């Protein structure tokens, strides 16, 4: 994919971040997803207004874009976001197969206004039994059977 940064799309992502705080819907984060030079999804942070900790700008934009194109992959798309994506949003961007990320503020900028995700990066590097939230392997027998059923399913839609 040709990389084609467009300041108009970043301007829109920043506008959305301002809308989030002016409307009291969430934190100062906005994102747009672009395909073939057109915005196909927008989002701003709506964590506090929806009581949904996953309602980050990038996630909202991905949900809107996928709904609009009726697909769960966004190959050929770019995301413009007002801030470097957090670990959750970065993972969602990878799962969505977005081709490139353009971001304005850094995670260090976010940390300076009390949005720090550094603790999550630290947790990810730890072994599951060393993390601050206990992770306890518990009876995978039946769960493993379902995994094996999926593996052999001939009409599955892989992702």
C-alpha atoms as a PDB file:
ATOM      1  CA  UNK A   1       0.000   0.000   0.000  1.00  0.00           C
ATOM      2  CA  UNK A   2       1.255   3.436  -0.885  1.00  0.00           C
ATOM      3  CA  UNK A   3       1.818   5.562   2.201  1.00  0.00           C
ATOM      4  CA  UNK A   4      -0.031   8.810   1.737  1.00  0.00           C
ATOM      5  CA  UNK A   5      -0.226  10.919   4.884  1.00  0.00           C
ATOM      6  CA  UNK A   6      -2.995  13.475   4.567  1.00  0.00           C
ATOM      7  CA  UNK A   7      -3.114  16.313   7.077  1.00  0.00           C
ATOM      8  CA  UNK A   8      -6.866  16.755   6.481  1.00  0.00           C
ATOM      9  CA  UNK A   9      -7.553  13.333   7.986  1.00  0.00           C
ATOM     10  CA  UNK A  10      -5.344  14.039  10.998  1.00  0.00           C
ATOM     11  CA  UNK A  11      -7.118  17.376  11.436  1.00  0.00           C
ATOM     12  CA  UNK A  12     -10.423  15.484  11.561  1.00  0.00           C
ATOM     13  CA  UNK A  13      -9.061  13.038  14.158  1.00  0.00           C
ATOM     14  CA  UNK A  14      -7.978  15.984  16.317  1.00  0.00           C
ATOM     15  CA  UNK A  15     -11.380  17.662  15.834  1.00  0.00           C
ATOM     16  CA  UNK A  16     -13.029  14.468  17.047  1.00  0.00           C
ATOM     17  CA  UNK A  17     -10.803  14.447  20.138  1.00  0.00           C
ATOM     18  CA  UNK A  18     -12.036  17.953  20.919  1.00  0.00           C
ATOM     19  CA  UNK A  19     -15.662  16.915  20.346  1.00  0.00           C
ATOM     20  CA  UNK A  20     -15.169  14.142  22.920  1.00  0.00           C
ATOM     21  CA  UNK A  21     -14.215  16.571  25.650  1.00  0.00           C
ATOM     22  CA  UNK A  22     -16.579  19.388  24.639  1.00  0.00           C
ATOM     23  CA  UNK A  23     -19.517  16.972  24.719  1.00  0.00           C
ATOM     24  CA  UNK A  24     -18.303  15.365  27.959  1.00  0.00           C
ATOM     25  CA  UNK A  25     -18.483  11.953  26.295  1.00  0.00           C
ATOM     26  CA  UNK A  26     -14.922  10.886  27.088  1.00  0.00           C
ATOM     27  CA  UNK A  27     -11.236  11.680  27.046  1.00  0.00           C
ATOM     28  CA  UNK A  28      -9.407  13.772  24.423  1.00  0.00           C
ATOM     29  CA  UNK A  29      -8.955  11.122  21.744  1.00  0.00           C
ATOM     30  CA  UNK A  30     -10.242  10.899  18.179  1.00  0.00           C
ATOM     31  CA  UNK A  31      -9.641   8.619  15.205  1.00  0.00           C
ATOM     32  CA  UNK A  32     -10.624   8.216  11.577  1.00  0.00           C
ATOM     33  CA  UNK A  33     -10.211   5.268   9.235  1.00  0.00           C
ATOM     34  CA  UNK A  34      -9.556   6.020   5.592  1.00  0.00           C
ATOM     35  CA  UNK A  35      -9.856   3.822   2.519  1.00  0.00           C
ATOM     36  CA  UNK A  36      -9.149   4.996  -1.012  1.00  0.00           C
ATOM     37  CA  UNK A  37      -8.928   8.604   0.145  1.00  0.00           C
ATOM     38  CA  UNK A  38     -12.304   8.614   1.924  1.00  0.00           C
ATOM     39  CA  UNK A  39     -13.210   8.401   5.594  1.00  0.00           C
ATOM     40  CA  UNK A  40     -15.112   5.170   6.200  1.00  0.00           C
ATOM     41  CA  UNK A  41     -15.164   5.288   9.995  1.00  0.00           C
ATOM     42  CA  UNK A  42     -14.826   7.862  12.738  1.00  0.00           C
ATOM     43  CA  UNK A  43     -14.716   7.672  16.476  1.00  0.00           C
ATOM     44  CA  UNK A  44     -13.905   9.549  19.599  1.00  0.00           C
ATOM     45  CA  UNK A  45     -13.420   8.379  23.137  1.00  0.00           C
ATOM     46  CA  UNK A  46     -16.748   7.482  24.757  1.00  0.00           C
ATOM     47  CA  UNK A  47     -15.541   5.566  27.813  1.00  0.00           C
ATOM     48  CA  UNK A  48     -17.275   7.663  30.464  1.00  0.00           C
ATOM     49  CA  UNK A  49     -20.507   8.325  28.576  1.00  0.00           C
ATOM     50  CA  UNK A  50     -21.087   4.663  27.700  1.00  0.00           C
ATOM     51  CA  UNK A  51     -19.547   3.089  30.806  1.00  0.00           C
ATOM     52  CA  UNK A  52     -17.496   0.993  28.400  1.00  0.00           C
ATOM     53  CA  UNK A  53     -13.751   0.851  29.102  1.00  0.00           C
ATOM     54  CA  UNK A  54     -13.190  -0.417  25.545  1.00  0.00           C
ATOM     55  CA  UNK A  55     -14.871   2.590  23.885  1.00  0.00           C
ATOM     56  CA  UNK A  56     -11.582   4.213  22.900  1.00  0.00           C
ATOM     57  CA  UNK A  57     -11.533   6.358  19.763  1.00  0.00           C
ATOM     58  CA  UNK A  58      -9.723   3.762  17.670  1.00  0.00           C
ATOM     59  CA  UNK A  59     -12.055   0.947  18.722  1.00  0.00           C
ATOM     60  CA  UNK A  60     -15.139   3.069  17.998  1.00  0.00           C
ATOM     61  CA  UNK A  61     -13.716   4.035  14.587  1.00  0.00           C
ATOM     62  CA  UNK A  62     -12.916   0.392  13.774  1.00  0.00           C
ATOM     63  CA  UNK A  63     -16.420  -0.714  14.755  1.00  0.00           C
ATOM     64  CA  UNK A  64     -17.969   2.017  12.610  1.00  0.00           C
ATOM     65  CA  UNK A  65     -15.731   1.291   9.615  1.00  0.00           C
ATOM     66  CA  UNK A  66     -16.347  -2.464   9.769  1.00  0.00           C
ATOM     67  CA  UNK A  67     -20.088  -1.916  10.011  1.00  0.00           C
ATOM     68  CA  UNK A  68     -20.007   0.459   7.045  1.00  0.00           C
ATOM     69  CA  UNK A  69     -18.062  -1.920   4.779  1.00  0.00           C
ATOM     70  CA  UNK A  70     -19.694  -5.072   6.181  1.00  0.00           C
ATOM     71  CA  UNK A  71     -16.353  -6.740   6.879  1.00  0.00           C
ATOM     72  CA  UNK A  72     -14.212  -7.635   9.876  1.00  0.00           C
ATOM     73  CA  UNK A  73     -10.931  -6.850   8.121  1.00  0.00           C
ATOM     74  CA  UNK A  74      -9.859  -3.398   7.003  1.00  0.00           C
ATOM     75  CA  UNK A  75      -7.029  -4.181   4.612  1.00  0.00           C
ATOM     76  CA  UNK A  76      -6.149  -1.235   2.426  1.00  0.00           C
ATOM     77  CA  UNK A  77      -7.098   1.198   5.181  1.00  0.00           C
ATOM     78  CA  UNK A  78      -5.186   3.779   7.153  1.00  0.00           C
ATOM     79  CA  UNK A  79      -5.997   5.005  10.642  1.00  0.00           C
ATOM     80  CA  UNK A  80      -5.355   8.554  11.761  1.00  0.00           C
ATOM     81  CA  UNK A  81      -5.487   8.957  15.505  1.00  0.00           C
ATOM     82  CA  UNK A  82      -4.957  11.963  17.713  1.00  0.00           C
ATOM     83  CA  UNK A  83      -2.711   9.922  20.018  1.00  0.00           C
ATOM     84  CA  UNK A  84      -0.432   6.919  19.787  1.00  0.00           C
ATOM     85  CA  UNK A  85      -2.688   3.904  20.330  1.00  0.00           C
ATOM     86  CA  UNK A  86      -2.766   2.188  23.712  1.00  0.00           C
ATOM     87  CA  UNK A  87      -2.027  -1.553  23.861  1.00  0.00           C
ATOM     88  CA  UNK A  88      -5.704  -2.481  23.484  1.00  0.00           C
ATOM     89  CA  UNK A  89      -6.213  -0.218  20.478  1.00  0.00           C
ATOM     90  CA  UNK A  90      -2.958  -1.296  18.899  1.00  0.00           C
ATOM     91  CA  UNK A  91      -4.081  -4.908  19.203  1.00  0.00           C
ATOM     92  CA  UNK A  92      -7.455  -4.067  17.650  1.00  0.00           C
ATOM     93  CA  UNK A  93      -5.702  -2.306  14.768  1.00  0.00           C
ATOM     94  CA  UNK A  94      -3.664  -5.443  14.135  1.00  0.00           C
ATOM     95  CA  UNK A  95      -6.760  -7.666  14.367  1.00  0.00           C
ATOM     96  CA  UNK A  96      -8.518  -5.373  11.876  1.00  0.00           C
ATOM     97  CA  UNK A  97      -5.558  -5.660   9.470  1.00  0.00           C
ATOM     98  CA  UNK A  98      -5.245  -1.895   9.022  1.00  0.00           C
ATOM     99  CA  UNK A  99      -2.223  -1.106   6.865  1.00  0.00           C
ATOM    100  CA  UNK A 100      -0.744   1.968   8.532  1.00  0.00           C
ATOM    101  CA  UNK A 101      -1.127   4.103  11.654  1.00  0.00           C
ATOM    102  CA  UNK A 102      -0.622   7.869  11.690  1.00  0.00           C
ATOM    103  CA  UNK A 103      -0.718   9.423  15.155  1.00  0.00           C
ATOM    104  CA  UNK A 104      -0.327  12.925  16.561  1.00  0.00           C
ATOM    105  CA  UNK A 105       0.350  12.930  20.318  1.00  0.00           C
ATOM    106  CA  UNK A 106       2.688  10.315  21.766  1.00  0.00           C
ATOM    107  CA  UNK A 107       1.984   8.016  24.701  1.00  0.00           C
ATOM    108  CA  UNK A 108       4.386  10.267  26.676  1.00  0.00           C
ATOM    109  CA  UNK A 109       2.162  13.264  25.858  1.00  0.00           C
ATOM    110  CA  UNK A 110      -0.835  11.280  27.117  1.00  0.00           C
ATOM    111  CA  UNK A 111       1.034  10.365  30.277  1.00  0.00           C
ATOM    112  CA  UNK A 112       1.585  14.065  31.006  1.00  0.00           C
ATOM    113  CA  UNK A 113      -2.204  14.558  31.176  1.00  0.00           C
ATOM    114  CA  UNK A 114      -2.714  11.491  33.384  1.00  0.00           C
ATOM    115  CA  UNK A 115      -3.458   8.903  30.683  1.00  0.00           C
ATOM    116  CA  UNK A 116      -0.706   6.375  31.204  1.00  0.00           C
ATOM    117  CA  UNK A 117      -0.731   2.914  29.715  1.00  0.00           C
ATOM    118  CA  UNK A 118       2.844   2.087  30.698  1.00  0.00           C
ATOM    119  CA  UNK A 119       1.607  -0.258  33.448  1.00  0.00           C
ATOM    120  CA  UNK A 120      -0.113  -2.381  30.787  1.00  0.00           C
ATOM    121  CA  UNK A 121       3.072  -2.663  28.718  1.00  0.00           C
ATOM    122  CA  UNK A 122       4.865  -3.776  31.900  1.00  0.00           C
ATOM    123  CA  UNK A 123       2.162  -6.347  32.683  1.00  0.00           C
ATOM    124  CA  UNK A 124       2.277  -7.812  29.166  1.00  0.00           C
ATOM    125  CA  UNK A 125       5.994  -8.543  29.543  1.00  0.00           C
ATOM    126  CA  UNK A 126       5.404 -10.513  32.746  1.00  0.00           C
ATOM    127  CA  UNK A 127       4.644 -14.221  32.910  1.00  0.00           C
ATOM    128  CA  UNK A 128       0.926 -14.781  33.568  1.00  0.00           C
ATOM    129  CA  UNK A 129       1.570 -15.895  37.158  1.00  0.00           C
ATOM    130  CA  UNK A 130       3.546 -12.693  37.872  1.00  0.00           C
ATOM    131  CA  UNK A 131       0.864 -10.213  36.776  1.00  0.00           C
ATOM    132  CA  UNK A 132      -1.021  -7.982  39.206  1.00  0.00           C
ATOM    133  CA  UNK A 133      -4.357  -9.548  38.184  1.00  0.00           C
ATOM    134  CA  UNK A 134      -4.174 -13.266  38.993  1.00  0.00           C
ATOM    135  CA  UNK A 135      -4.324 -15.507  35.931  1.00  0.00           C
ATOM    136  CA  UNK A 136      -5.092 -19.076  36.913  1.00  0.00           C
ATOM    137  CA  UNK A 137      -5.214 -21.891  34.337  1.00  0.00           C
ATOM    138  CA  UNK A 138      -8.411 -23.775  35.098  1.00  0.00           C
ATOM    139  CA  UNK A 139      -9.655 -26.969  33.435  1.00  0.00           C
ATOM    140  CA  UNK A 140      -8.973 -26.720  29.741  1.00  0.00           C
ATOM    141  CA  UNK A 141     -10.251 -30.234  28.896  1.00  0.00           C
ATOM    142  CA  UNK A 142     -13.695 -29.240  27.623  1.00  0.00           C
ATOM    143  CA  UNK A 143     -12.404 -25.942  26.255  1.00  0.00           C
ATOM    144  CA  UNK A 144      -9.678 -27.760  24.319  1.00  0.00           C
ATOM    145  CA  UNK A 145     -12.318 -30.042  22.778  1.00  0.00           C
ATOM    146  CA  UNK A 146     -14.081 -26.957  21.396  1.00  0.00           C
ATOM    147  CA  UNK A 147     -10.763 -25.695  19.986  1.00  0.00           C
ATOM    148  CA  UNK A 148     -10.234 -29.030  18.248  1.00  0.00           C
ATOM    149  CA  UNK A 149     -13.787 -28.879  16.914  1.00  0.00           C
ATOM    150  CA  UNK A 150     -12.984 -25.445  15.449  1.00  0.00           C
ATOM    151  CA  UNK A 151      -9.755 -26.714  13.931  1.00  0.00           C
ATOM    152  CA  UNK A 152     -11.632 -29.421  12.042  1.00  0.00           C
ATOM    153  CA  UNK A 153     -14.625 -27.295  11.067  1.00  0.00           C
ATOM    154  CA  UNK A 154     -14.711 -27.188   7.289  1.00  0.00           C
ATOM    155  CA  UNK A 155     -17.127 -24.277   6.843  1.00  0.00           C
ATOM    156  CA  UNK A 156     -15.448 -21.885   9.328  1.00  0.00           C
ATOM    157  CA  UNK A 157     -14.646 -18.321   8.408  1.00  0.00           C
ATOM    158  CA  UNK A 158     -11.031 -17.874   9.458  1.00  0.00           C
ATOM    159  CA  UNK A 159      -9.781 -14.588  10.754  1.00  0.00           C
END
